[in-house]
Amino acid sequence: MNNRFLAFLAAFGATTIYGLNHTIAKVVMPFYIGPFGFIMLRVVGASILFWTVSIFVPKEKIEKNDYLRIFGAAFLGMCINMLMFFKGLQLSTPINSGVIVTLTPIIILILSAFFLKEKLTTLKFLGIILGFAGAIILIIYGNTTQVINATNIPLGNTMLLVNAISFGAYLVLVKPLTKKYKTITLMKWMFLIGIFYTSPVTYKEFIEVSWLKLPFDAIWRMSFVVFGTTFMTYMLNVYALKTLPPTTIGAFTYLQPLITILYAVVTGNDVLDAIKISACILVFIGVYLVSKKRKYHTIPDSESKNK
């Protein structure tokens, strides 16, 4: 099977899991586990899974000059990204988080412009403005409807925006590493590092969980987050990055709001209103403009031969 097709399939699979996760994880917080305690469960659980799988694959040695990039990627992807997303999700709503995460391609473009010197066209700049306008509308006015278990929507939306920024930066930073090392090698080390980054913040909430009294509904949701949202998505995204550029991976986040909205509304965990719809439209237009490829004028063969 074509490697590029498999990469697209992996990216789509990761996006689908992320889309479902907004609602699945939201339901158990903070009744059964706090958002930071959830992060410790995710990072430790994923680290155990990746190190277990690594036993069955050839070992690779990390080059010394890659240490700094690995520690930086782990800080963005396994620390800031996760902490901001789960705390923001607890305070906000599944639909808000699904919309704001769609800003990831815009974040990647901005970072690429600064660090990779990618040129910003007028359309792309307009897309950035519209996309962030949609996010700002959600942050300021996104609490017009009463949703169960959404205690501070503006603060939660702000944290979700920080999550989108850190995840975009993580994709840009980890991209060169995917060309040199296997997915399992990268993930086992970054999640192990992530334990040390996050445990000072997450340990207290983790030990407060009544693990032996958890109902099945909470257990399957936590298991989904550890195995699906953490282990599978990070492995699928890094696998996809071996073939596809970060901007293409980021573009798959377009699908997340659709999956999130459908699942959240069907399960009764969120409601749509005019503010959310307007913000979603602005973000979609912004992302479309940012991702629109520039058309180049081609010179006919007869003209090119005369030059």
Protein backbone atom coordinates (compact mmCIF):
# COMPACT_ATOMS: atom_id res chain seq x y z
CA MET A 1 0.00 0.00 0.00
CA ASN A 2 1.25 3.52 -0.84
CA ASN A 3 3.16 5.17 2.04
CA ARG A 4 1.52 8.53 1.39
CA PHE A 5 -1.94 6.98 1.57
CA LEU A 6 -1.04 5.27 4.86
CA ALA A 7 0.22 8.59 6.20
CA PHE A 8 -3.08 10.28 5.29
CA LEU A 9 -4.96 7.38 6.91
CA ALA A 10 -2.89 7.74 10.07
CA ALA A 11 -3.53 11.50 10.23
CA PHE A 12 -7.26 10.97 9.70
CA GLY A 13 -7.36 8.31 12.42
CA ALA A 14 -5.61 10.61 14.90
CA THR A 15 -8.02 13.46 14.07
CA THR A 16 -11.08 11.22 14.57
CA ILE A 17 -9.83 10.11 17.99
CA TYR A 18 -9.12 13.71 18.96
CA GLY A 19 -12.58 14.76 17.83
CA LEU A 20 -14.28 12.14 20.03
CA ASN A 21 -11.92 12.88 22.93
CA HIS A 22 -13.30 16.40 23.52
CA THR A 23 -16.54 14.91 24.83
CA ILE A 24 -15.32 11.56 26.17
CA ALA A 25 -12.71 13.16 28.45
CA LYS A 26 -14.92 16.10 29.44
CA VAL A 27 -17.56 13.87 31.07
CA VAL A 28 -15.25 12.48 33.78
CA MET A 29 -13.72 15.82 34.84
CA PRO A 30 -13.61 16.80 37.64
CA PHE A 31 -16.10 14.33 39.16
CA TYR A 32 -13.85 11.28 38.98
CA ILE A 33 -10.46 12.78 38.16
CA GLY A 34 -9.09 16.31 37.95
CA PRO A 35 -7.63 17.58 34.66
CA PHE A 36 -4.05 17.55 35.94
CA GLY A 37 -4.50 14.11 37.50
CA PHE A 38 -5.74 12.99 34.09
CA ILE A 39 -2.49 14.25 32.55
CA MET A 40 -0.39 12.14 34.92
CA LEU A 41 -2.52 9.12 34.00
CA ARG A 42 -2.00 9.90 30.31
CA VAL A 43 1.74 10.50 30.45
CA VAL A 44 2.59 7.58 32.74
CA GLY A 45 0.20 5.23 30.93
CA ALA A 46 1.51 6.17 27.48
CA SER A 47 5.12 5.93 28.66
CA ILE A 48 4.52 2.37 29.91
CA LEU A 49 2.85 1.44 26.61
CA PHE A 50 5.61 2.91 24.41
CA TRP A 51 8.44 1.39 26.47
CA THR A 52 6.70 -2.00 26.40
CA VAL A 53 6.31 -1.87 22.62
CA SER A 54 9.95 -0.73 22.24
CA ILE A 55 11.11 -4.11 23.58
CA PHE A 56 9.96 -5.68 20.31
CA VAL A 57 11.58 -3.19 17.90
CA PRO A 58 15.25 -2.54 17.08
CA LYS A 59 16.88 -0.09 19.48
CA GLU A 60 18.16 3.28 18.28
CA LYS A 61 20.71 5.58 19.87
CA ILE A 62 19.79 9.26 20.11
CA GLU A 63 22.49 11.59 18.82
CA LYS A 64 23.75 14.16 21.35
CA ASN A 65 22.89 17.13 19.14
CA ASP A 66 19.22 16.01 19.12
CA TYR A 67 18.79 16.03 22.90
CA LEU A 68 17.81 19.69 23.09
CA ARG A 69 15.17 19.32 20.37
CA ILE A 70 13.71 16.21 22.04
CA PHE A 71 13.49 17.94 25.41
CA GLY A 72 11.90 20.99 23.75
CA ALA A 73 9.38 18.87 21.82
CA ALA A 74 8.48 16.95 25.00
CA PHE A 75 7.95 20.23 26.88
CA LEU A 76 5.57 21.53 24.20
CA GLY A 77 3.82 18.27 23.25
CA MET A 78 3.72 16.28 26.49
CA CYS A 79 3.57 19.10 29.02
CA ILE A 80 2.16 22.51 27.99
CA ASN A 81 -0.07 21.06 25.25
CA MET A 82 -1.67 18.45 27.51
CA LEU A 83 -1.98 20.57 30.66
CA MET A 84 -3.62 23.48 28.84
CA PHE A 85 -5.97 21.25 26.83
CA PHE A 86 -7.38 19.25 29.73
CA LYS A 87 -7.68 22.17 32.13
CA GLY A 88 -9.23 24.27 29.35
CA LEU A 89 -11.62 21.44 28.44
CA GLN A 90 -12.72 21.12 32.07
CA LEU A 91 -13.51 24.84 32.29
CA SER A 92 -15.02 25.20 28.79
CA THR A 93 -17.14 23.02 26.47
CA PRO A 94 -16.42 20.24 23.93
CA ILE A 95 -17.57 22.36 20.97
CA ASN A 96 -15.46 25.35 22.00
CA SER A 97 -12.38 23.15 22.31
CA GLY A 98 -13.12 21.51 18.96
CA VAL A 99 -13.32 24.90 17.24
CA ILE A 100 -10.27 26.48 18.88
CA VAL A 101 -8.02 23.50 18.13
CA THR A 102 -8.71 24.17 14.44
CA LEU A 103 -6.36 27.15 14.73
CA THR A 104 -3.39 24.76 14.68
CA PRO A 105 -2.68 25.19 10.92
CA ILE A 106 -2.66 28.97 11.41
CA ILE A 107 -0.23 28.61 14.32
CA ILE A 108 2.02 26.41 12.20
CA LEU A 109 2.02 29.01 9.41
CA ILE A 110 2.96 31.82 11.81
CA LEU A 111 5.78 29.76 13.32
CA SER A 112 6.96 28.74 9.84
CA ALA A 113 7.04 32.43 8.84
CA PHE A 114 9.20 33.31 11.83
CA PHE A 115 11.51 30.33 11.99
CA LEU A 116 11.45 28.88 8.46
CA LYS A 117 11.08 32.25 6.69
CA GLU A 118 7.95 31.13 4.84
CA LYS A 119 6.41 34.06 2.97
CA LEU A 120 3.07 35.40 4.22
CA THR A 121 0.76 36.40 1.38
CA THR A 122 -2.12 38.85 1.78
CA LEU A 123 -4.65 36.00 1.75
CA LYS A 124 -2.75 34.06 4.39
CA PHE A 125 -2.45 37.15 6.57
CA LEU A 126 -6.21 37.74 6.21
CA GLY A 127 -6.79 34.10 7.13
CA ILE A 128 -4.74 34.54 10.30
CA ILE A 129 -6.79 37.60 11.29
CA LEU A 130 -10.14 35.86 10.65
CA GLY A 131 -9.10 32.65 12.39
CA PHE A 132 -7.99 34.43 15.53
CA ALA A 133 -11.08 36.65 15.40
CA GLY A 134 -13.19 33.50 15.66
CA ALA A 135 -11.14 32.31 18.63
CA ILE A 136 -11.43 35.70 20.37
CA ILE A 137 -15.23 35.69 19.87
CA LEU A 138 -15.41 32.30 21.58
CA ILE A 139 -13.14 33.43 24.41
CA ILE A 140 -15.11 36.61 25.13
CA TYR A 141 -18.70 35.71 24.17
CA GLY A 142 -18.68 31.90 24.12
CA ASN A 143 -20.52 31.49 27.43
CA THR A 144 -23.98 32.46 26.16
CA THR A 145 -25.43 29.00 26.77
CA GLN A 146 -25.50 27.06 30.02
CA VAL A 147 -23.59 23.82 29.61
CA ILE A 148 -23.26 21.32 32.44
CA ASN A 149 -19.75 21.23 33.95
CA ALA A 150 -18.43 24.38 32.22
CA THR A 151 -17.38 26.64 35.09
CA ASN A 152 -15.21 29.32 33.45
CA ILE A 153 -15.60 29.33 29.69
CA PRO A 154 -13.49 32.45 28.86
CA LEU A 155 -10.49 31.18 30.88
CA GLY A 156 -10.97 27.68 29.50
CA ASN A 157 -11.04 28.98 25.92
CA THR A 158 -7.85 30.97 26.56
CA MET A 159 -6.12 27.82 27.79
CA LEU A 160 -7.35 25.95 24.73
CA LEU A 161 -5.79 28.66 22.56
CA VAL A 162 -2.45 28.17 24.37
CA ASN A 163 -2.90 24.44 23.73
CA ALA A 164 -3.32 25.05 19.98
CA ILE A 165 -0.18 27.23 19.93
CA SER A 166 1.95 24.68 21.81
CA PHE A 167 0.73 21.77 19.65
CA GLY A 168 1.52 23.69 16.45
CA ALA A 169 5.00 24.46 17.78
CA TYR A 170 5.45 20.81 18.76
CA LEU A 171 4.66 19.61 15.22
CA VAL A 172 7.18 22.06 13.72
CA LEU A 173 9.88 21.16 16.27
CA VAL A 174 9.49 17.37 16.09
CA LYS A 175 9.34 17.17 12.27
CA PRO A 176 13.14 16.86 11.68
CA LEU A 177 13.36 14.12 14.31
CA THR A 178 10.79 11.98 12.49
CA LYS A 179 13.20 11.72 9.56
CA LYS A 180 15.95 10.26 11.74
CA TYR A 181 14.25 8.03 14.30
CA LYS A 182 11.46 5.49 14.53
CA THR A 183 8.12 6.58 16.01
CA ILE A 184 8.46 4.30 19.04
CA THR A 185 11.96 5.64 19.81
CA LEU A 186 10.79 9.24 19.86
CA MET A 187 7.61 8.60 21.81
CA LYS A 188 9.14 6.45 24.55
CA TRP A 189 11.76 9.09 25.36
CA MET A 190 9.49 12.13 25.06
CA PHE A 191 6.76 10.63 27.26
CA LEU A 192 9.36 9.56 29.83
CA ILE A 193 10.68 13.13 29.88
CA GLY A 194 7.06 14.31 30.05
CA ILE A 195 6.60 12.49 33.38
CA PHE A 196 9.33 14.63 34.97
CA TYR A 197 7.95 17.81 33.40
CA THR A 198 4.37 17.30 34.55
CA SER A 199 4.50 15.33 37.82
CA PRO A 200 5.13 18.36 40.09
CA VAL A 201 1.80 19.78 38.88
CA THR A 202 -0.21 16.60 38.38
CA TYR A 203 0.74 14.31 41.27
CA LYS A 204 -1.62 15.86 43.86
CA GLU A 205 -4.76 15.38 41.75
CA PHE A 206 -3.64 11.91 40.67
CA ILE A 207 -3.42 10.51 44.21
CA GLU A 208 -6.79 12.05 45.13
CA VAL A 209 -8.62 9.72 42.71
CA SER A 210 -10.65 6.91 44.32
CA TRP A 211 -9.33 4.31 41.89
CA LEU A 212 -11.08 1.29 43.44
CA LYS A 213 -14.48 3.04 43.43
CA LEU A 214 -14.51 4.17 39.80
CA PRO A 215 -17.61 3.10 37.81
CA PHE A 216 -17.21 1.38 34.45
CA ASP A 217 -18.29 4.55 32.61
CA ALA A 218 -15.29 6.41 34.06
CA ILE A 219 -12.90 3.49 33.51
CA TRP A 220 -13.59 3.09 29.78
CA ARG A 221 -13.34 6.84 29.23
CA MET A 222 -9.99 7.03 31.02
CA SER A 223 -8.76 3.99 29.09
CA PHE A 224 -9.80 5.63 25.82
CA VAL A 225 -7.81 8.75 26.70
CA VAL A 226 -4.66 6.79 27.64
CA PHE A 227 -4.67 4.23 24.83
CA GLY A 228 -6.52 6.14 22.10
CA THR A 229 -5.98 9.87 22.62
CA THR A 230 -2.41 9.52 23.91
CA PHE A 231 -0.74 6.31 22.72
CA MET A 232 -2.46 5.91 19.34
CA THR A 233 -2.72 9.58 18.26
CA TYR A 234 0.89 10.47 19.06
CA MET A 235 2.11 7.35 17.29
CA LEU A 236 -0.15 7.98 14.29
CA ASN A 237 0.83 11.67 14.01
CA VAL A 238 4.57 10.96 14.18
CA TYR A 239 4.14 8.16 11.63
CA ALA A 240 2.27 10.57 9.33
CA LEU A 241 4.97 13.24 9.80
CA LYS A 242 7.52 10.88 8.26
CA THR A 243 5.79 11.39 4.90
CA LEU A 244 3.65 14.52 5.23
CA PRO A 245 4.66 18.10 6.18
CA PRO A 246 3.45 19.65 9.48
CA THR A 247 1.04 21.95 7.62
CA THR A 248 -0.73 18.93 6.09
CA ILE A 249 -1.02 17.21 9.48
CA GLY A 250 -2.35 20.45 10.92
CA ALA A 251 -4.90 20.68 8.11
CA PHE A 252 -6.58 17.50 9.36
CA THR A 253 -7.74 19.48 12.39
CA TYR A 254 -10.39 20.98 10.07
CA LEU A 255 -12.34 17.78 10.64
CA GLN A 256 -12.16 17.92 14.43
CA PRO A 257 -14.96 20.47 14.99
CA LEU A 258 -17.30 18.48 12.74
CA ILE A 259 -16.63 15.24 14.63
CA THR A 260 -16.68 17.01 18.00
CA ILE A 261 -19.92 18.92 17.34
CA LEU A 262 -21.74 15.85 16.02
CA TYR A 263 -20.70 13.63 18.93
CA ALA A 264 -21.21 16.31 21.62
CA VAL A 265 -24.69 17.28 20.40
CA VAL A 266 -25.85 13.68 19.84
CA THR A 267 -24.72 12.67 23.33
CA GLY A 268 -26.25 15.78 24.91
CA ASN A 269 -22.94 17.11 26.29
CA ASP A 270 -23.03 20.47 24.48
CA VAL A 271 -25.37 22.70 22.48
CA LEU A 272 -24.91 24.81 19.36
CA ASP A 273 -25.76 28.51 19.40
CA ALA A 274 -25.29 31.52 17.10
CA ILE A 275 -22.00 32.56 18.76
CA LYS A 276 -20.40 29.14 18.30
CA ILE A 277 -21.63 28.85 14.72
CA SER A 278 -20.30 32.34 13.84
CA ALA A 279 -16.94 31.65 15.46
CA CYS A 280 -16.71 28.29 13.71
CA ILE A 281 -17.38 29.91 10.33
CA LEU A 282 -14.67 32.56 10.92
CA VAL A 283 -12.15 29.92 11.95
CA PHE A 284 -12.97 27.72 8.94
CA ILE A 285 -12.62 30.64 6.52
CA GLY A 286 -9.36 31.66 8.16
CA VAL A 287 -7.92 28.16 7.99
CA TYR A 288 -9.03 27.82 4.36
CA LEU A 289 -7.25 31.04 3.37
CA VAL A 290 -4.12 30.05 5.26
CA SER A 291 -4.05 26.62 3.61
CA LYS A 292 -4.93 27.80 0.10
CA LYS A 293 -2.07 27.03 -2.22
CA ARG A 294 -0.77 29.81 -4.38
CA LYS A 295 -1.34 29.32 -8.11
CA TYR A 296 1.65 29.94 -10.29
CA HIS A 297 1.37 31.08 -13.92
CA THR A 298 2.90 28.50 -16.22
CA ILE A 299 4.61 29.51 -19.44
CA PRO A 300 3.53 27.52 -22.49
CA ASP A 301 6.23 25.36 -24.06
CA SER A 302 6.22 27.44 -27.25
CA GLU A 303 6.95 30.62 -25.25
CA SER A 304 9.55 29.01 -23.02
CA LYS A 305 11.46 27.72 -26.02
CA ASN A 306 11.69 31.21 -27.44
CA LYS A 307 13.30 32.62 -24.29
